[in-house]
Amino acid sequence: MTEVEKGTGMMDAECVYWDDYVTKNPVNLGPDLAKLGIKSDLAHDYFPLNELEHDLMEYLRKRSTAFHKNQIQIINDLVREKLAIAYKVFKI
């Protein structure tokens, strides 16, 4: 048994396979938050909303801070407001 096999519990061929696989198929952990202008200490606020445009994310962040709500609660409020208008206008 080689040192690699002892350390990993895998045979040399398995190590070569997984090394090759990871090299050719890099892991995508999500959007590059730095490119979106999001500081790492604020990242937890953005993960469920990572498909939104940057200016929308910034708007939600500011509203959530101002109203002491999380961003999902702000989105819920906005959608409820739109629904209320739709019910009045279209009598749904």
N, C-alpha and C. Protein backbone atom coordinates (compact mmCIF):
# COMPACT_ATOMS: atom_id res chain seq x y z
N MET A 1 0.86 -1.19 0.00
CA MET A 1 0.00 0.00 0.00
C MET A 1 0.90 1.24 0.00
N THR A 2 0.62 2.17 -0.91
CA THR A 2 1.43 3.39 -1.00
C THR A 2 0.97 4.40 0.05
N GLU A 3 1.76 5.46 0.19
CA GLU A 3 1.41 6.50 1.16
C GLU A 3 0.10 7.20 0.77
N VAL A 4 -0.11 7.38 -0.52
CA VAL A 4 -1.35 8.00 -0.99
C VAL A 4 -2.53 7.12 -0.62
N GLU A 5 -2.40 5.83 -0.84
CA GLU A 5 -3.49 4.91 -0.50
C GLU A 5 -3.76 4.91 0.99
N LYS A 6 -2.71 4.99 1.79
CA LYS A 6 -2.88 5.03 3.25
C LYS A 6 -3.57 6.32 3.68
N GLY A 7 -3.15 7.43 3.07
CA GLY A 7 -3.69 8.73 3.47
C GLY A 7 -5.11 8.98 3.01
N THR A 8 -5.48 8.43 1.87
CA THR A 8 -6.79 8.74 1.31
C THR A 8 -7.77 7.58 1.36
N GLY A 9 -7.26 6.38 1.49
CA GLY A 9 -8.13 5.21 1.44
C GLY A 9 -8.52 4.85 0.03
N MET A 10 -7.87 5.50 -0.96
CA MET A 10 -8.15 5.23 -2.36
C MET A 10 -6.91 4.63 -3.02
N MET A 11 -7.14 3.88 -4.05
CA MET A 11 -6.04 3.34 -4.84
C MET A 11 -5.46 4.46 -5.69
N ASP A 12 -4.22 4.28 -6.15
CA ASP A 12 -3.58 5.29 -6.99
C ASP A 12 -4.42 5.62 -8.22
N ALA A 13 -5.02 4.63 -8.82
CA ALA A 13 -5.83 4.85 -10.03
C ALA A 13 -7.03 5.73 -9.70
N GLU A 14 -7.64 5.53 -8.53
CA GLU A 14 -8.78 6.37 -8.14
C GLU A 14 -8.34 7.80 -7.92
N CYS A 15 -7.17 8.00 -7.30
CA CYS A 15 -6.65 9.35 -7.08
C CYS A 15 -6.40 10.06 -8.40
N VAL A 16 -5.81 9.35 -9.36
CA VAL A 16 -5.55 9.92 -10.68
C VAL A 16 -6.87 10.28 -11.35
N TYR A 17 -7.86 9.39 -11.26
CA TYR A 17 -9.17 9.66 -11.87
C TYR A 17 -9.79 10.93 -11.28
N TRP A 18 -9.85 11.03 -9.95
CA TRP A 18 -10.50 12.19 -9.34
C TRP A 18 -9.71 13.47 -9.55
N ASP A 19 -8.39 13.37 -9.58
CA ASP A 19 -7.58 14.55 -9.86
C ASP A 19 -7.88 15.05 -11.28
N ASP A 20 -7.93 14.15 -12.22
CA ASP A 20 -8.24 14.50 -13.61
C ASP A 20 -9.66 15.06 -13.72
N TYR A 21 -10.62 14.44 -13.03
CA TYR A 21 -12.02 14.87 -13.09
C TYR A 21 -12.17 16.30 -12.55
N VAL A 22 -11.57 16.57 -11.39
CA VAL A 22 -11.70 17.90 -10.78
C VAL A 22 -10.98 18.95 -11.62
N THR A 23 -9.87 18.56 -12.22
CA THR A 23 -9.13 19.50 -13.08
C THR A 23 -9.95 19.88 -14.31
N LYS A 24 -10.62 18.92 -14.91
CA LYS A 24 -11.38 19.18 -16.13
C LYS A 24 -12.79 19.71 -15.86
N ASN A 25 -13.31 19.52 -14.66
CA ASN A 25 -14.67 19.95 -14.31
C ASN A 25 -14.62 20.81 -13.05
N PRO A 26 -14.21 22.06 -13.19
CA PRO A 26 -14.11 22.90 -12.00
C PRO A 26 -15.46 23.09 -11.31
N VAL A 27 -15.42 23.23 -10.03
CA VAL A 27 -16.63 23.40 -9.23
C VAL A 27 -17.08 24.85 -9.33
N ASN A 28 -18.36 25.06 -9.62
CA ASN A 28 -18.93 26.39 -9.67
C ASN A 28 -19.77 26.57 -8.41
N LEU A 29 -19.30 27.42 -7.52
CA LEU A 29 -19.98 27.63 -6.25
C LEU A 29 -21.00 28.75 -6.29
N GLY A 30 -21.22 29.33 -7.45
CA GLY A 30 -22.18 30.41 -7.56
C GLY A 30 -21.55 31.63 -8.20
N PRO A 31 -22.24 32.73 -8.17
CA PRO A 31 -21.73 33.93 -8.82
C PRO A 31 -20.52 34.49 -8.09
N ASP A 32 -19.67 35.21 -8.80
CA ASP A 32 -18.53 35.88 -8.20
C ASP A 32 -19.05 37.15 -7.53
N LEU A 33 -19.20 37.10 -6.22
CA LEU A 33 -19.79 38.22 -5.50
C LEU A 33 -18.93 39.47 -5.56
N ALA A 34 -17.61 39.30 -5.63
CA ALA A 34 -16.73 40.46 -5.73
C ALA A 34 -17.01 41.23 -7.02
N LYS A 35 -17.28 40.51 -8.10
CA LYS A 35 -17.60 41.18 -9.37
C LYS A 35 -18.92 41.92 -9.28
N LEU A 36 -19.81 41.47 -8.41
CA LEU A 36 -21.10 42.14 -8.23
C LEU A 36 -21.01 43.30 -7.24
N GLY A 37 -19.83 43.49 -6.65
CA GLY A 37 -19.63 44.57 -5.69
C GLY A 37 -20.14 44.25 -4.30
N ILE A 38 -20.23 42.97 -3.97
CA ILE A 38 -20.75 42.56 -2.66
C ILE A 38 -19.58 42.19 -1.75
N LYS A 39 -19.53 42.80 -0.60
CA LYS A 39 -18.46 42.51 0.35
C LYS A 39 -18.69 41.12 0.95
N SER A 40 -17.60 40.45 1.27
CA SER A 40 -17.71 39.08 1.76
C SER A 40 -18.50 38.97 3.06
N ASP A 41 -18.44 39.99 3.92
CA ASP A 41 -19.18 39.91 5.18
C ASP A 41 -20.68 40.10 4.98
N LEU A 42 -21.10 40.53 3.79
CA LEU A 42 -22.53 40.69 3.50
C LEU A 42 -23.06 39.59 2.60
N ALA A 43 -22.21 38.64 2.24
CA ALA A 43 -22.59 37.61 1.27
C ALA A 43 -23.80 36.81 1.72
N HIS A 44 -23.93 36.55 3.01
CA HIS A 44 -25.05 35.73 3.48
C HIS A 44 -26.40 36.38 3.17
N ASP A 45 -26.41 37.70 3.00
CA ASP A 45 -27.66 38.39 2.66
C ASP A 45 -28.07 38.19 1.20
N TYR A 46 -27.13 37.77 0.37
CA TYR A 46 -27.37 37.76 -1.07
C TYR A 46 -27.57 36.39 -1.68
N PHE A 47 -27.19 35.31 -1.02
CA PHE A 47 -27.22 34.01 -1.66
C PHE A 47 -28.59 33.61 -2.19
N PRO A 48 -29.69 33.79 -1.47
CA PRO A 48 -30.97 33.39 -2.07
C PRO A 48 -31.38 34.30 -3.22
N LEU A 49 -30.75 35.43 -3.34
CA LEU A 49 -31.16 36.44 -4.32
C LEU A 49 -30.12 36.62 -5.41
N ASN A 50 -29.22 35.66 -5.57
CA ASN A 50 -28.08 35.86 -6.45
C ASN A 50 -28.42 36.00 -7.92
N GLU A 51 -29.65 35.76 -8.31
CA GLU A 51 -30.03 35.91 -9.71
C GLU A 51 -30.52 37.32 -10.02
N LEU A 52 -30.69 38.14 -9.00
CA LEU A 52 -31.16 39.51 -9.23
C LEU A 52 -30.04 40.41 -9.72
N GLU A 53 -30.40 41.47 -10.38
CA GLU A 53 -29.42 42.45 -10.83
C GLU A 53 -28.84 43.18 -9.62
N HIS A 54 -27.64 43.71 -9.80
CA HIS A 54 -26.93 44.35 -8.70
C HIS A 54 -27.72 45.50 -8.07
N ASP A 55 -28.32 46.36 -8.90
CA ASP A 55 -29.05 47.50 -8.34
C ASP A 55 -30.28 47.05 -7.56
N LEU A 56 -30.92 45.97 -7.97
CA LEU A 56 -32.05 45.45 -7.21
C LEU A 56 -31.60 44.88 -5.88
N MET A 57 -30.47 44.19 -5.89
CA MET A 57 -29.93 43.64 -4.65
C MET A 57 -29.58 44.76 -3.67
N GLU A 58 -29.02 45.83 -4.20
CA GLU A 58 -28.65 46.97 -3.36
C GLU A 58 -29.90 47.64 -2.78
N TYR A 59 -30.94 47.76 -3.59
CA TYR A 59 -32.21 48.32 -3.12
C TYR A 59 -32.78 47.48 -1.97
N LEU A 60 -32.78 46.17 -2.16
CA LEU A 60 -33.30 45.29 -1.11
C LEU A 60 -32.47 45.39 0.17
N ARG A 61 -31.16 45.49 0.01
CA ARG A 61 -30.29 45.60 1.18
C ARG A 61 -30.59 46.87 1.96
N LYS A 62 -30.75 47.98 1.23
CA LYS A 62 -31.03 49.26 1.91
C LYS A 62 -32.40 49.25 2.57
N ARG A 63 -33.40 48.70 1.87
CA ARG A 63 -34.76 48.62 2.47
C ARG A 63 -34.77 47.73 3.70
N SER A 64 -34.05 46.60 3.61
CA SER A 64 -34.05 45.68 4.75
C SER A 64 -33.38 46.31 5.96
N THR A 65 -32.35 47.11 5.72
CA THR A 65 -31.69 47.81 6.82
C THR A 65 -32.61 48.88 7.40
N ALA A 66 -33.25 49.62 6.53
CA ALA A 66 -34.12 50.72 6.98
C ALA A 66 -35.33 50.23 7.76
N PHE A 67 -35.90 49.09 7.36
CA PHE A 67 -37.12 48.60 7.99
C PHE A 67 -36.89 47.42 8.94
N HIS A 68 -35.62 47.09 9.17
CA HIS A 68 -35.26 46.00 10.08
C HIS A 68 -35.96 44.69 9.73
N LYS A 69 -35.96 44.39 8.43
CA LYS A 69 -36.52 43.14 7.92
C LYS A 69 -35.46 42.47 7.07
N ASN A 70 -35.62 41.16 6.84
CA ASN A 70 -34.70 40.53 5.91
C ASN A 70 -35.18 40.77 4.48
N GLN A 71 -34.33 40.46 3.52
CA GLN A 71 -34.64 40.78 2.13
C GLN A 71 -35.84 40.01 1.60
N ILE A 72 -36.03 38.80 2.06
CA ILE A 72 -37.19 38.02 1.63
C ILE A 72 -38.48 38.68 2.11
N GLN A 73 -38.47 39.22 3.33
CA GLN A 73 -39.65 39.92 3.84
C GLN A 73 -39.95 41.16 3.01
N ILE A 74 -38.91 41.86 2.57
CA ILE A 74 -39.10 43.04 1.72
C ILE A 74 -39.72 42.62 0.39
N ILE A 75 -39.22 41.53 -0.19
CA ILE A 75 -39.79 41.02 -1.45
C ILE A 75 -41.24 40.63 -1.25
N ASN A 76 -41.55 39.95 -0.15
CA ASN A 76 -42.94 39.57 0.15
C ASN A 76 -43.84 40.81 0.23
N ASP A 77 -43.36 41.84 0.90
CA ASP A 77 -44.15 43.08 1.01
C ASP A 77 -44.42 43.69 -0.37
N LEU A 78 -43.38 43.73 -1.22
CA LEU A 78 -43.54 44.30 -2.55
C LEU A 78 -44.53 43.50 -3.39
N VAL A 79 -44.45 42.18 -3.30
CA VAL A 79 -45.36 41.33 -4.07
C VAL A 79 -46.79 41.48 -3.55
N ARG A 80 -46.96 41.53 -2.22
CA ARG A 80 -48.30 41.73 -1.65
C ARG A 80 -48.89 43.06 -2.12
N GLU A 81 -48.05 44.09 -2.17
CA GLU A 81 -48.51 45.40 -2.64
C GLU A 81 -48.99 45.32 -4.09
N LYS A 82 -48.22 44.64 -4.93
CA LYS A 82 -48.61 44.47 -6.34
C LYS A 82 -49.90 43.66 -6.45
N LEU A 83 -50.04 42.64 -5.63
CA LEU A 83 -51.26 41.83 -5.65
C LEU A 83 -52.48 42.65 -5.22
N ALA A 84 -52.30 43.47 -4.22
CA ALA A 84 -53.40 44.30 -3.74
C ALA A 84 -53.88 45.24 -4.85
N ILE A 85 -52.93 45.82 -5.57
CA ILE A 85 -53.29 46.69 -6.69
C ILE A 85 -53.99 45.89 -7.79
N ALA A 86 -53.47 44.73 -8.09
CA ALA A 86 -54.08 43.89 -9.13
C ALA A 86 -55.50 43.51 -8.73
N TYR A 87 -55.73 43.20 -7.47
CA TYR A 87 -57.08 42.82 -7.02
C TYR A 87 -58.04 43.99 -7.20
N LYS A 88 -57.57 45.22 -6.89
CA LYS A 88 -58.42 46.38 -7.02
C LYS A 88 -58.69 46.74 -8.48
N VAL A 89 -57.66 46.70 -9.31
CA VAL A 89 -57.77 47.13 -10.70
C VAL A 89 -58.50 46.08 -11.52
N PHE A 90 -58.08 44.82 -11.36
CA PHE A 90 -58.63 43.77 -12.22
C PHE A 90 -59.74 42.96 -11.54
N LYS A 91 -60.01 43.29 -10.30
CA LYS A 91 -61.07 42.61 -9.51
C LYS A 91 -60.89 41.09 -9.58
N ILE A 92 -59.66 40.67 -9.30
CA ILE A 92 -59.33 39.24 -9.32
C ILE A 92 -59.92 38.55 -8.11
